């Protein structure tokens, strides 16, 4: 049992660039959606179009986290693997979907005033 915990601890300490994965996932995965719940409660902006944007957001978020892990492992092991294209695509999907959701919220807030 302690061998498994020790391996996990060694992996985390050796692959220090992976420490940002947890923070990114927590902020972009949980805090963003908690704020959306508060806004939805007041403005009721979620419709089918916004649901598609949120699905795209989930895809971008999970792909970004996977690419953060891949990039961290590649950097620590000094491998010659280029993951920049997939990492860029993941960030692009995440950013575009976030902007689309925020525009939907803005339009809904404008309509309510």
PDB file of N, CA and C in Angstrom:
ATOM      1  N   UNK A   1       0.830  -1.195   0.000  1.00  0.00           N
ATOM      2  CA  UNK A   1       0.000   0.000   0.000  1.00  0.00           C
ATOM      3  C   UNK A   1       0.869   1.252   0.000  1.00  0.00           C
ATOM      4  N   UNK A   2       1.888   1.289   0.859  1.00  0.00           N
ATOM      5  CA  UNK A   2       2.734   2.478   0.916  1.00  0.00           C
ATOM      6  C   UNK A   2       3.565   2.619  -0.353  1.00  0.00           C
ATOM      7  N   UNK A   3       3.801   1.497  -1.022  1.00  0.00           N
ATOM      8  CA  UNK A   3       4.550   1.554  -2.273  1.00  0.00           C
ATOM      9  C   UNK A   3       3.782   2.343  -3.332  1.00  0.00           C
ATOM     10  N   UNK A   4       2.468   2.152  -3.386  1.00  0.00           N
ATOM     11  CA  UNK A   4       1.644   2.888  -4.339  1.00  0.00           C
ATOM     12  C   UNK A   4       1.631   4.374  -4.009  1.00  0.00           C
ATOM     13  N   UNK A   5       1.470   4.696  -2.735  1.00  0.00           N
ATOM     14  CA  UNK A   5       1.466   6.097  -2.326  1.00  0.00           C
ATOM     15  C   UNK A   5       2.831   6.710  -2.593  1.00  0.00           C
ATOM     16  N   UNK A   6       3.885   5.973  -2.300  1.00  0.00           N
ATOM     17  CA  UNK A   6       5.236   6.468  -2.549  1.00  0.00           C
ATOM     18  C   UNK A   6       5.475   6.715  -4.024  1.00  0.00           C
ATOM     19  N   UNK A   7       4.987   5.828  -4.887  1.00  0.00           N
ATOM     20  CA  UNK A   7       5.156   6.010  -6.337  1.00  0.00           C
ATOM     21  C   UNK A   7       4.412   7.241  -6.813  1.00  0.00           C
ATOM     22  N   UNK A   8       3.221   7.448  -6.293  1.00  0.00           N
ATOM     23  CA  UNK A   8       2.455   8.638  -6.671  1.00  0.00           C
ATOM     24  C   UNK A   8       3.150   9.910  -6.221  1.00  0.00           C
ATOM     25  N   UNK A   9       3.694   9.890  -5.009  1.00  0.00           N
ATOM     26  CA  UNK A   9       4.404  11.059  -4.499  1.00  0.00           C
ATOM     27  C   UNK A   9       5.665  11.353  -5.289  1.00  0.00           C
ATOM     28  N   UNK A  10       6.400  10.301  -5.630  1.00  0.00           N
ATOM     29  CA  UNK A  10       7.611  10.484  -6.425  1.00  0.00           C
ATOM     30  C   UNK A  10       7.253  11.006  -7.807  1.00  0.00           C
ATOM     31  N   UNK A  11       6.207  10.462  -8.389  1.00  0.00           N
ATOM     32  CA  UNK A  11       5.777  10.929  -9.711  1.00  0.00           C
ATOM     33  C   UNK A  11       5.435  12.409  -9.652  1.00  0.00           C
ATOM     34  N   UNK A  12       4.685  12.819  -8.624  1.00  0.00           N
ATOM     35  CA  UNK A  12       4.280  14.222  -8.509  1.00  0.00           C
ATOM     36  C   UNK A  12       5.501  15.118  -8.305  1.00  0.00           C
ATOM     37  N   UNK A  13       6.457  14.686  -7.462  1.00  0.00           N
ATOM     38  CA  UNK A  13       7.639  15.517  -7.197  1.00  0.00           C
ATOM     39  C   UNK A  13       8.561  15.588  -8.398  1.00  0.00           C
ATOM     40  N   UNK A  14       8.705  14.504  -9.109  1.00  0.00           N
ATOM     41  CA  UNK A  14       9.597  14.491 -10.265  1.00  0.00           C
ATOM     42  C   UNK A  14       9.006  15.262 -11.440  1.00  0.00           C
ATOM     43  N   UNK A  15       7.734  15.159 -11.612  1.00  0.00           N
ATOM     44  CA  UNK A  15       7.052  15.834 -12.710  1.00  0.00           C
ATOM     45  C   UNK A  15       6.406  17.112 -12.174  1.00  0.00           C
ATOM     46  N   UNK A  16       7.242  18.047 -11.741  1.00  0.00           N
ATOM     47  CA  UNK A  16       6.744  19.246 -11.068  1.00  0.00           C
ATOM     48  C   UNK A  16       5.924  20.141 -11.989  1.00  0.00           C
ATOM     49  N   UNK A  17       6.133  20.039 -13.275  1.00  0.00           N
ATOM     50  CA  UNK A  17       5.334  20.867 -14.180  1.00  0.00           C
ATOM     51  C   UNK A  17       3.877  20.422 -14.198  1.00  0.00           C
ATOM     52  N   UNK A  18       3.602  19.254 -13.667  1.00  0.00           N
ATOM     53  CA  UNK A  18       2.224  18.761 -13.638  1.00  0.00           C
ATOM     54  C   UNK A  18       1.421  19.352 -12.485  1.00  0.00           C
ATOM     55  N   UNK A  19       2.063  20.121 -11.616  1.00  0.00           N
ATOM     56  CA  UNK A  19       1.340  20.677 -10.474  1.00  0.00           C
ATOM     57  C   UNK A  19       0.302  21.709 -10.894  1.00  0.00           C
ATOM     58  N   UNK A  20       0.423  22.285 -12.079  1.00  0.00           N
ATOM     59  CA  UNK A  20      -0.552  23.284 -12.536  1.00  0.00           C
ATOM     60  C   UNK A  20      -1.829  22.640 -13.070  1.00  0.00           C
ATOM     61  N   UNK A  21      -1.804  21.347 -13.318  1.00  0.00           N
ATOM     62  CA  UNK A  21      -2.980  20.670 -13.874  1.00  0.00           C
ATOM     63  C   UNK A  21      -4.149  20.763 -12.902  1.00  0.00           C
ATOM     64  N   UNK A  22      -3.903  20.500 -11.644  1.00  0.00           N
ATOM     65  CA  UNK A  22      -4.961  20.520 -10.639  1.00  0.00           C
ATOM     66  C   UNK A  22      -5.581  21.909 -10.534  1.00  0.00           C
ATOM     67  N   UNK A  23      -4.758  22.933 -10.527  1.00  0.00           N
ATOM     68  CA  UNK A  23      -5.252  24.300 -10.416  1.00  0.00           C
ATOM     69  C   UNK A  23      -6.081  24.699 -11.628  1.00  0.00           C
ATOM     70  N   UNK A  24      -5.601  24.368 -12.812  1.00  0.00           N
ATOM     71  CA  UNK A  24      -6.346  24.679 -14.025  1.00  0.00           C
ATOM     72  C   UNK A  24      -7.705  23.975 -14.029  1.00  0.00           C
ATOM     73  N   UNK A  25      -7.694  22.699 -13.688  1.00  0.00           N
ATOM     74  CA  UNK A  25      -8.939  21.923 -13.705  1.00  0.00           C
ATOM     75  C   UNK A  25      -9.924  22.458 -12.672  1.00  0.00           C
ATOM     76  N   UNK A  26      -9.416  22.841 -11.499  1.00  0.00           N
ATOM     77  CA  UNK A  26     -10.272  23.360 -10.446  1.00  0.00           C
ATOM     78  C   UNK A  26     -10.898  24.690 -10.848  1.00  0.00           C
ATOM     79  N   UNK A  27     -10.094  25.606 -11.342  1.00  0.00           N
ATOM     80  CA  UNK A  27     -10.607  26.935 -11.688  1.00  0.00           C
ATOM     81  C   UNK A  27     -11.506  26.898 -12.921  1.00  0.00           C
ATOM     82  N   UNK A  28     -11.034  26.259 -13.972  1.00  0.00           N
ATOM     83  CA  UNK A  28     -11.796  26.252 -15.223  1.00  0.00           C
ATOM     84  C   UNK A  28     -12.957  25.269 -15.190  1.00  0.00           C
ATOM     85  N   UNK A  29     -12.849  24.238 -14.383  1.00  0.00           N
ATOM     86  CA  UNK A  29     -13.884  23.221 -14.336  1.00  0.00           C
ATOM     87  C   UNK A  29     -14.946  23.470 -13.292  1.00  0.00           C
ATOM     88  N   UNK A  30     -14.534  23.963 -12.120  1.00  0.00           N
ATOM     89  CA  UNK A  30     -15.502  24.114 -11.052  1.00  0.00           C
ATOM     90  C   UNK A  30     -15.926  25.572 -10.859  1.00  0.00           C
ATOM     91  N   UNK A  31     -14.986  26.460 -10.694  1.00  0.00           N
ATOM     92  CA  UNK A  31     -15.317  27.848 -10.380  1.00  0.00           C
ATOM     93  C   UNK A  31     -16.106  28.497 -11.523  1.00  0.00           C
ATOM     94  N   UNK A  32     -15.698  28.230 -12.760  1.00  0.00           N
ATOM     95  CA  UNK A  32     -16.413  28.786 -13.909  1.00  0.00           C
ATOM     96  C   UNK A  32     -17.878  28.365 -13.898  1.00  0.00           C
ATOM     97  N   UNK A  33     -18.131  27.094 -13.607  1.00  0.00           N
ATOM     98  CA  UNK A  33     -19.511  26.606 -13.620  1.00  0.00           C
ATOM     99  C   UNK A  33     -20.292  27.034 -12.386  1.00  0.00           C
ATOM    100  N   UNK A  34     -19.631  27.245 -11.267  1.00  0.00           N
ATOM    101  CA  UNK A  34     -20.335  27.794 -10.112  1.00  0.00           C
ATOM    102  C   UNK A  34     -20.805  29.222 -10.395  1.00  0.00           C
ATOM    103  N   UNK A  35     -19.977  29.986 -11.086  1.00  0.00           N
ATOM    104  CA  UNK A  35     -20.397  31.340 -11.475  1.00  0.00           C
ATOM    105  C   UNK A  35     -21.547  31.294 -12.477  1.00  0.00           C
ATOM    106  N   UNK A  36     -21.497  30.326 -13.393  1.00  0.00           N
ATOM    107  CA  UNK A  36     -22.589  30.186 -14.358  1.00  0.00           C
ATOM    108  C   UNK A  36     -23.911  29.850 -13.663  1.00  0.00           C
ATOM    109  N   UNK A  37     -23.844  29.040 -12.612  1.00  0.00           N
ATOM    110  CA  UNK A  37     -25.061  28.695 -11.871  1.00  0.00           C
ATOM    111  C   UNK A  37     -25.668  29.946 -11.244  1.00  0.00           C
ATOM    112  N   UNK A  38     -24.823  30.796 -10.675  1.00  0.00           N
ATOM    113  CA  UNK A  38     -25.321  32.037 -10.076  1.00  0.00           C
ATOM    114  C   UNK A  38     -25.945  32.946 -11.130  1.00  0.00           C
ATOM    115  N   UNK A  39     -25.294  33.059 -12.278  1.00  0.00           N
ATOM    116  CA  UNK A  39     -25.833  33.894 -13.344  1.00  0.00           C
ATOM    117  C   UNK A  39     -27.115  33.308 -13.933  1.00  0.00           C
ATOM    118  N   UNK A  40     -27.157  31.993 -14.074  1.00  0.00           N
ATOM    119  CA  UNK A  40     -28.355  31.336 -14.612  1.00  0.00           C
ATOM    120  C   UNK A  40     -29.546  31.555 -13.683  1.00  0.00           C
ATOM    121  N   UNK A  41     -29.283  31.536 -12.412  1.00  0.00           N
ATOM    122  CA  UNK A  41     -30.349  31.748 -11.435  1.00  0.00           C
ATOM    123  C   UNK A  41     -30.978  33.129 -11.595  1.00  0.00           C
ATOM    124  N   UNK A  42     -30.176  34.124 -11.970  1.00  0.00           N
ATOM    125  CA  UNK A  42     -30.689  35.492 -12.105  1.00  0.00           C
ATOM    126  C   UNK A  42     -31.191  35.830 -13.503  1.00  0.00           C
ATOM    127  N   UNK A  43     -30.531  35.319 -14.540  1.00  0.00           N
ATOM    128  CA  UNK A  43     -30.818  35.787 -15.893  1.00  0.00           C
ATOM    129  C   UNK A  43     -31.397  34.733 -16.834  1.00  0.00           C
ATOM    130  N   UNK A  44     -31.350  33.472 -16.476  1.00  0.00           N
ATOM    131  CA  UNK A  44     -31.918  32.379 -17.291  1.00  0.00           C
ATOM    132  C   UNK A  44     -31.451  32.456 -18.744  1.00  0.00           C
ATOM    133  N   UNK A  45     -30.175  32.337 -18.945  1.00  0.00           N
ATOM    134  CA  UNK A  45     -29.587  32.491 -20.275  1.00  0.00           C
ATOM    135  C   UNK A  45     -29.314  31.175 -20.991  1.00  0.00           C
ATOM    136  N   UNK A  46     -29.449  30.051 -20.317  1.00  0.00           N
ATOM    137  CA  UNK A  46     -29.085  28.768 -20.925  1.00  0.00           C
ATOM    138  C   UNK A  46     -30.217  28.279 -21.821  1.00  0.00           C
ATOM    139  N   UNK A  47     -29.898  28.134 -23.100  1.00  0.00           N
ATOM    140  CA  UNK A  47     -30.810  27.583 -24.094  1.00  0.00           C
ATOM    141  C   UNK A  47     -30.031  26.508 -24.857  1.00  0.00           C
ATOM    142  N   UNK A  48     -30.605  25.961 -25.917  1.00  0.00           N
ATOM    143  CA  UNK A  48     -29.929  24.906 -26.673  1.00  0.00           C
ATOM    144  C   UNK A  48     -28.599  25.382 -27.262  1.00  0.00           C
ATOM    145  N   UNK A  49     -28.562  26.631 -27.718  1.00  0.00           N
ATOM    146  CA  UNK A  49     -27.329  27.163 -28.305  1.00  0.00           C
ATOM    147  C   UNK A  49     -26.227  27.260 -27.254  1.00  0.00           C
ATOM    148  N   UNK A  50     -26.575  27.723 -26.061  1.00  0.00           N
ATOM    149  CA  UNK A  50     -25.589  27.841 -24.984  1.00  0.00           C
ATOM    150  C   UNK A  50     -25.149  26.457 -24.517  1.00  0.00           C
ATOM    151  N   UNK A  51     -26.057  25.488 -24.531  1.00  0.00           N
ATOM    152  CA  UNK A  51     -25.671  24.112 -24.160  1.00  0.00           C
ATOM    153  C   UNK A  51     -24.617  23.562 -25.116  1.00  0.00           C
ATOM    154  N   UNK A  52     -24.728  23.893 -26.394  1.00  0.00           N
ATOM    155  CA  UNK A  52     -23.709  23.463 -27.359  1.00  0.00           C
ATOM    156  C   UNK A  52     -22.372  24.129 -27.063  1.00  0.00           C
ATOM    157  N   UNK A  53     -22.415  25.404 -26.679  1.00  0.00           N
ATOM    158  CA  UNK A  53     -21.179  26.100 -26.304  1.00  0.00           C
ATOM    159  C   UNK A  53     -20.556  25.467 -25.064  1.00  0.00           C
ATOM    160  N   UNK A  54     -21.395  25.078 -24.107  1.00  0.00           N
ATOM    161  CA  UNK A  54     -20.880  24.453 -22.887  1.00  0.00           C
ATOM    162  C   UNK A  54     -20.303  23.065 -23.161  1.00  0.00           C
ATOM    163  N   UNK A  55     -20.900  22.333 -24.085  1.00  0.00           N
ATOM    164  CA  UNK A  55     -20.341  21.042 -24.485  1.00  0.00           C
ATOM    165  C   UNK A  55     -18.970  21.243 -25.122  1.00  0.00           C
ATOM    166  N   UNK A  56     -18.871  22.234 -25.980  1.00  0.00           N
ATOM    167  CA  UNK A  56     -17.591  22.573 -26.592  1.00  0.00           C
ATOM    168  C   UNK A  56     -16.576  22.987 -25.524  1.00  0.00           C
ATOM    169  N   UNK A  57     -17.034  23.707 -24.506  1.00  0.00           N
ATOM    170  CA  UNK A  57     -16.170  24.112 -23.399  1.00  0.00           C
ATOM    171  C   UNK A  57     -15.624  22.881 -22.665  1.00  0.00           C
ATOM    172  N   UNK A  58     -16.501  21.925 -22.390  1.00  0.00           N
ATOM    173  CA  UNK A  58     -16.065  20.698 -21.706  1.00  0.00           C
ATOM    174  C   UNK A  58     -15.013  19.953 -22.530  1.00  0.00           C
ATOM    175  N   UNK A  59     -15.236  19.859 -23.820  1.00  0.00           N
ATOM    176  CA  UNK A  59     -14.263  19.189 -24.695  1.00  0.00           C
ATOM    177  C   UNK A  59     -12.932  19.928 -24.644  1.00  0.00           C
ATOM    178  N   UNK A  60     -12.967  21.253 -24.769  1.00  0.00           N
ATOM    179  CA  UNK A  60     -11.739  22.043 -24.719  1.00  0.00           C
ATOM    180  C   UNK A  60     -11.033  21.945 -23.387  1.00  0.00           C
ATOM    181  N   UNK A  61     -11.798  21.955 -22.291  1.00  0.00           N
ATOM    182  CA  UNK A  61     -11.212  21.866 -20.957  1.00  0.00           C
ATOM    183  C   UNK A  61     -10.516  20.529 -20.748  1.00  0.00           C
ATOM    184  N   UNK A  62     -11.193  19.446 -21.074  1.00  0.00           N
ATOM    185  CA  UNK A  62     -10.597  18.128 -20.871  1.00  0.00           C
ATOM    186  C   UNK A  62      -9.400  17.898 -21.788  1.00  0.00           C
ATOM    187  N   UNK A  63      -9.478  18.369 -23.014  1.00  0.00           N
ATOM    188  CA  UNK A  63      -8.346  18.243 -23.925  1.00  0.00           C
ATOM    189  C   UNK A  63      -7.161  19.085 -23.435  1.00  0.00           C
ATOM    190  N   UNK A  64      -7.439  20.264 -22.890  1.00  0.00           N
ATOM    191  CA  UNK A  64      -6.382  21.103 -22.342  1.00  0.00           C
ATOM    192  C   UNK A  64      -5.685  20.414 -21.179  1.00  0.00           C
ATOM    193  N   UNK A  65      -6.454  19.820 -20.287  1.00  0.00           N
ATOM    194  CA  UNK A  65      -5.861  19.134 -19.132  1.00  0.00           C
ATOM    195  C   UNK A  65      -5.034  17.933 -19.578  1.00  0.00           C
ATOM    196  N   UNK A  66      -5.547  17.168 -20.533  1.00  0.00           N
ATOM    197  CA  UNK A  66      -4.778  16.024 -21.048  1.00  0.00           C
ATOM    198  C   UNK A  66      -3.470  16.505 -21.663  1.00  0.00           C
ATOM    199  N   UNK A  67      -3.534  17.595 -22.423  1.00  0.00           N
ATOM    200  CA  UNK A  67      -2.322  18.108 -23.063  1.00  0.00           C
ATOM    201  C   UNK A  67      -1.353  18.704 -22.054  1.00  0.00           C
ATOM    202  N   UNK A  68      -1.856  19.267 -20.935  1.00  0.00           N
ATOM    203  CA  UNK A  68      -0.964  19.724 -19.868  1.00  0.00           C
ATOM    204  C   UNK A  68      -0.189  18.551 -19.278  1.00  0.00           C
ATOM    205  N   UNK A  69      -0.879  17.441 -19.072  1.00  0.00           N
ATOM    206  CA  UNK A  69      -0.212  16.248 -18.535  1.00  0.00           C
ATOM    207  C   UNK A  69       0.819  15.731 -19.534  1.00  0.00           C
ATOM    208  N   UNK A  70       0.427  15.622 -20.801  1.00  0.00           N
ATOM    209  CA  UNK A  70       1.356  15.141 -21.832  1.00  0.00           C
ATOM    210  C   UNK A  70       2.565  16.063 -21.921  1.00  0.00           C
ATOM    211  N   UNK A  71       2.317  17.357 -21.938  1.00  0.00           N
ATOM    212  CA  UNK A  71       3.418  18.317 -22.044  1.00  0.00           C
ATOM    213  C   UNK A  71       4.360  18.230 -20.850  1.00  0.00           C
ATOM    214  N   UNK A  72       3.797  18.067 -19.647  1.00  0.00           N
ATOM    215  CA  UNK A  72       4.629  17.932 -18.456  1.00  0.00           C
ATOM    216  C   UNK A  72       5.492  16.695 -18.485  1.00  0.00           C
ATOM    217  N   UNK A  73       4.932  15.572 -18.881  1.00  0.00           N
ATOM    218  CA  UNK A  73       5.697  14.330 -18.963  1.00  0.00           C
ATOM    219  C   UNK A  73       6.780  14.441 -20.032  1.00  0.00           C
ATOM    220  N   UNK A  74       6.435  15.026 -21.181  1.00  0.00           N
ATOM    221  CA  UNK A  74       7.402  15.182 -22.268  1.00  0.00           C
ATOM    222  C   UNK A  74       8.562  16.078 -21.846  1.00  0.00           C
ATOM    223  N   UNK A  75       8.266  17.171 -21.129  1.00  0.00           N
ATOM    224  CA  UNK A  75       9.321  18.086 -20.693  1.00  0.00           C
ATOM    225  C   UNK A  75      10.250  17.433 -19.690  1.00  0.00           C
ATOM    226  N   UNK A  76       9.683  16.717 -18.731  1.00  0.00           N
ATOM    227  CA  UNK A  76      10.517  16.113 -17.694  1.00  0.00           C
ATOM    228  C   UNK A  76      11.376  14.996 -18.264  1.00  0.00           C
ATOM    229  N   UNK A  77      10.825  14.208 -19.165  1.00  0.00           N
ATOM    230  CA  UNK A  77      11.580  13.096 -19.744  1.00  0.00           C
ATOM    231  C   UNK A  77      12.463  13.536 -20.914  1.00  0.00           C
ATOM    232  N   UNK A  78      12.402  14.802 -21.276  1.00  0.00           N
ATOM    233  CA  UNK A  78      13.185  15.362 -22.383  1.00  0.00           C
ATOM    234  C   UNK A  78      12.983  14.586 -23.679  1.00  0.00           C
ATOM    235  N   UNK A  79      11.745  14.301 -23.979  1.00  0.00           N
ATOM    236  CA  UNK A  79      11.414  13.603 -25.214  1.00  0.00           C
ATOM    237  C   UNK A  79      11.269  14.612 -26.346  1.00  0.00           C
ATOM    238  N   UNK A  80      11.505  14.176 -27.547  1.00  0.00           N
ATOM    239  CA  UNK A  80      11.349  15.034 -28.712  1.00  0.00           C
ATOM    240  C   UNK A  80       9.989  14.803 -29.354  1.00  0.00           C
ATOM    241  N   UNK A  81       8.953  15.176 -28.638  1.00  0.00           N
ATOM    242  CA  UNK A  81       7.587  15.024 -29.133  1.00  0.00           C
ATOM    243  C   UNK A  81       6.970  16.410 -29.210  1.00  0.00           C
ATOM    244  N   UNK A  82       6.415  16.739 -30.347  1.00  0.00           N
ATOM    245  CA  UNK A  82       5.788  18.049 -30.508  1.00  0.00           C
ATOM    246  C   UNK A  82       4.288  17.928 -30.263  1.00  0.00           C
ATOM    247  N   UNK A  83       3.851  18.441 -29.125  1.00  0.00           N
ATOM    248  CA  UNK A  83       2.433  18.432 -28.793  1.00  0.00           C
ATOM    249  C   UNK A  83       1.860  19.844 -28.880  1.00  0.00           C
ATOM    250  N   UNK A  84       2.618  20.761 -29.438  1.00  0.00           N
ATOM    251  CA  UNK A  84       2.200  22.161 -29.469  1.00  0.00           C
ATOM    252  C   UNK A  84       0.929  22.366 -30.279  1.00  0.00           C
ATOM    253  N   UNK A  85       0.769  21.641 -31.353  1.00  0.00           N
ATOM    254  CA  UNK A  85      -0.410  21.816 -32.195  1.00  0.00           C
ATOM    255  C   UNK A  85      -1.667  21.407 -31.440  1.00  0.00           C
ATOM    256  N   UNK A  86      -1.649  20.239 -30.815  1.00  0.00           N
ATOM    257  CA  UNK A  86      -2.822  19.797 -30.056  1.00  0.00           C
ATOM    258  C   UNK A  86      -3.074  20.690 -28.851  1.00  0.00           C
ATOM    259  N   UNK A  87      -2.001  21.145 -28.215  1.00  0.00           N
ATOM    260  CA  UNK A  87      -2.141  22.030 -27.068  1.00  0.00           C
ATOM    261  C   UNK A  87      -2.771  23.348 -27.503  1.00  0.00           C
ATOM    262  N   UNK A  88      -2.349  23.864 -28.645  1.00  0.00           N
ATOM    263  CA  UNK A  88      -2.917  25.097 -29.173  1.00  0.00           C
ATOM    264  C   UNK A  88      -4.371  24.937 -29.553  1.00  0.00           C
ATOM    265  N   UNK A  89      -4.713  23.810 -30.156  1.00  0.00           N
ATOM    266  CA  UNK A  89      -6.101  23.551 -30.540  1.00  0.00           C
ATOM    267  C   UNK A  89      -6.982  23.458 -29.292  1.00  0.00           C
ATOM    268  N   UNK A  90      -6.479  22.789 -28.256  1.00  0.00           N
ATOM    269  CA  UNK A  90      -7.246  22.661 -27.013  1.00  0.00           C
ATOM    270  C   UNK A  90      -7.513  24.031 -26.400  1.00  0.00           C
ATOM    271  N   UNK A  91      -6.491  24.879 -26.342  1.00  0.00           N
ATOM    272  CA  UNK A  91      -6.674  26.222 -25.803  1.00  0.00           C
ATOM    273  C   UNK A  91      -7.620  27.055 -26.677  1.00  0.00           C
ATOM    274  N   UNK A  92      -7.526  26.866 -27.966  1.00  0.00           N
ATOM    275  CA  UNK A  92      -8.389  27.592 -28.891  1.00  0.00           C
ATOM    276  C   UNK A  92      -9.856  27.207 -28.691  1.00  0.00           C
ATOM    277  N   UNK A  93     -10.129  25.920 -28.588  1.00  0.00           N
ATOM    278  CA  UNK A  93     -11.495  25.443 -28.344  1.00  0.00           C
ATOM    279  C   UNK A  93     -12.015  25.989 -27.023  1.00  0.00           C
ATOM    280  N   UNK A  94     -11.181  25.923 -25.992  1.00  0.00           N
ATOM    281  CA  UNK A  94     -11.570  26.409 -24.673  1.00  0.00           C
ATOM    282  C   UNK A  94     -11.848  27.912 -24.699  1.00  0.00           C
ATOM    283  N   UNK A  95     -10.962  28.664 -25.311  1.00  0.00           N
ATOM    284  CA  UNK A  95     -11.129  30.116 -25.361  1.00  0.00           C
ATOM    285  C   UNK A  95     -12.337  30.555 -26.168  1.00  0.00           C
ATOM    286  N   UNK A  96     -12.529  29.968 -27.337  1.00  0.00           N
ATOM    287  CA  UNK A  96     -13.665  30.342 -28.187  1.00  0.00           C
ATOM    288  C   UNK A  96     -14.985  30.010 -27.504  1.00  0.00           C
ATOM    289  N   UNK A  97     -15.070  28.824 -26.915  1.00  0.00           N
ATOM    290  CA  UNK A  97     -16.324  28.446 -26.262  1.00  0.00           C
ATOM    291  C   UNK A  97     -16.595  29.328 -25.049  1.00  0.00           C
ATOM    292  N   UNK A  98     -15.560  29.719 -24.314  1.00  0.00           N
ATOM    293  CA  UNK A  98     -15.749  30.606 -23.170  1.00  0.00           C
ATOM    294  C   UNK A  98     -16.253  31.980 -23.632  1.00  0.00           C
ATOM    295  N   UNK A  99     -15.688  32.490 -24.691  1.00  0.00           N
ATOM    296  CA  UNK A  99     -16.124  33.783 -25.228  1.00  0.00           C
ATOM    297  C   UNK A  99     -17.575  33.698 -25.710  1.00  0.00           C
ATOM    298  N   UNK A 100     -17.942  32.615 -26.378  1.00  0.00           N
ATOM    299  CA  UNK A 100     -19.320  32.460 -26.846  1.00  0.00           C
ATOM    300  C   UNK A 100     -20.310  32.410 -25.683  1.00  0.00           C
ATOM    301  N   UNK A 101     -19.947  31.719 -24.614  1.00  0.00           N
ATOM    302  CA  UNK A 101     -20.815  31.665 -23.437  1.00  0.00           C
ATOM    303  C   UNK A 101     -20.933  33.059 -22.814  1.00  0.00           C
ATOM    304  N   UNK A 102     -19.812  33.769 -22.712  1.00  0.00           N
ATOM    305  CA  UNK A 102     -19.841  35.108 -22.118  1.00  0.00           C
ATOM    306  C   UNK A 102     -20.638  36.088 -22.971  1.00  0.00           C
ATOM    307  N   UNK A 103     -20.562  35.974 -24.288  1.00  0.00           N
ATOM    308  CA  UNK A 103     -21.389  36.811 -25.165  1.00  0.00           C
ATOM    309  C   UNK A 103     -22.868  36.496 -24.978  1.00  0.00           C
ATOM    310  N   UNK A 104     -23.201  35.228 -24.800  1.00  0.00           N
ATOM    311  CA  UNK A 104     -24.595  34.846 -24.561  1.00  0.00           C
ATOM    312  C   UNK A 104     -25.101  35.454 -23.256  1.00  0.00           C
ATOM    313  N   UNK A 105     -24.255  35.445 -22.238  1.00  0.00           N
ATOM    314  CA  UNK A 105     -24.635  36.048 -20.954  1.00  0.00           C
ATOM    315  C   UNK A 105     -24.820  37.552 -21.127  1.00  0.00           C
ATOM    316  N   UNK A 106     -23.908  38.195 -21.842  1.00  0.00           N
ATOM    317  CA  UNK A 106     -23.999  39.635 -22.061  1.00  0.00           C
ATOM    318  C   UNK A 106     -25.286  39.995 -22.793  1.00  0.00           C
ATOM    319  N   UNK A 107     -25.606  39.245 -23.828  1.00  0.00           N
ATOM    320  CA  UNK A 107     -26.833  39.526 -24.574  1.00  0.00           C
ATOM    321  C   UNK A 107     -28.077  39.351 -23.713  1.00  0.00           C
ATOM    322  N   UNK A 108     -28.060  38.353 -22.861  1.00  0.00           N
ATOM    323  CA  UNK A 108     -29.202  38.105 -21.977  1.00  0.00           C
ATOM    324  C   UNK A 108     -29.328  39.223 -20.941  1.00  0.00           C
ATOM    325  N   UNK A 109     -28.201  39.685 -20.418  1.00  0.00           N
ATOM    326  CA  UNK A 109     -28.229  40.774 -19.435  1.00  0.00           C
ATOM    327  C   UNK A 109     -28.714  42.065 -20.091  1.00  0.00           C
ATOM    328  N   UNK A 110     -28.292  42.323 -21.328  1.00  0.00           N
ATOM    329  CA  UNK A 110     -28.757  43.516 -22.048  1.00  0.00           C
ATOM    330  C   UNK A 110     -30.275  43.479 -22.230  1.00  0.00           C
ATOM    331  N   UNK A 111     -30.792  42.296 -22.553  1.00  0.00           N
ATOM    332  CA  UNK A 111     -32.233  42.152 -22.778  1.00  0.00           C
ATOM    333  C   UNK A 111     -33.044  42.332 -21.498  1.00  0.00           C
ATOM    334  N   UNK A 112     -32.439  42.027 -20.347  1.00  0.00           N
ATOM    335  CA  UNK A 112     -33.193  42.099 -19.103  1.00  0.00           C
ATOM    336  C   UNK A 112     -33.255  43.522 -18.534  1.00  0.00           C
ATOM    337  N   UNK A 113     -32.428  44.429 -19.031  1.00  0.00           N
ATOM    338  CA  UNK A 113     -32.441  45.810 -18.519  1.00  0.00           C
ATOM    339  C   UNK A 113     -33.152  46.721 -19.429  1.00  0.00           C
TER     340      UNK A 113
END
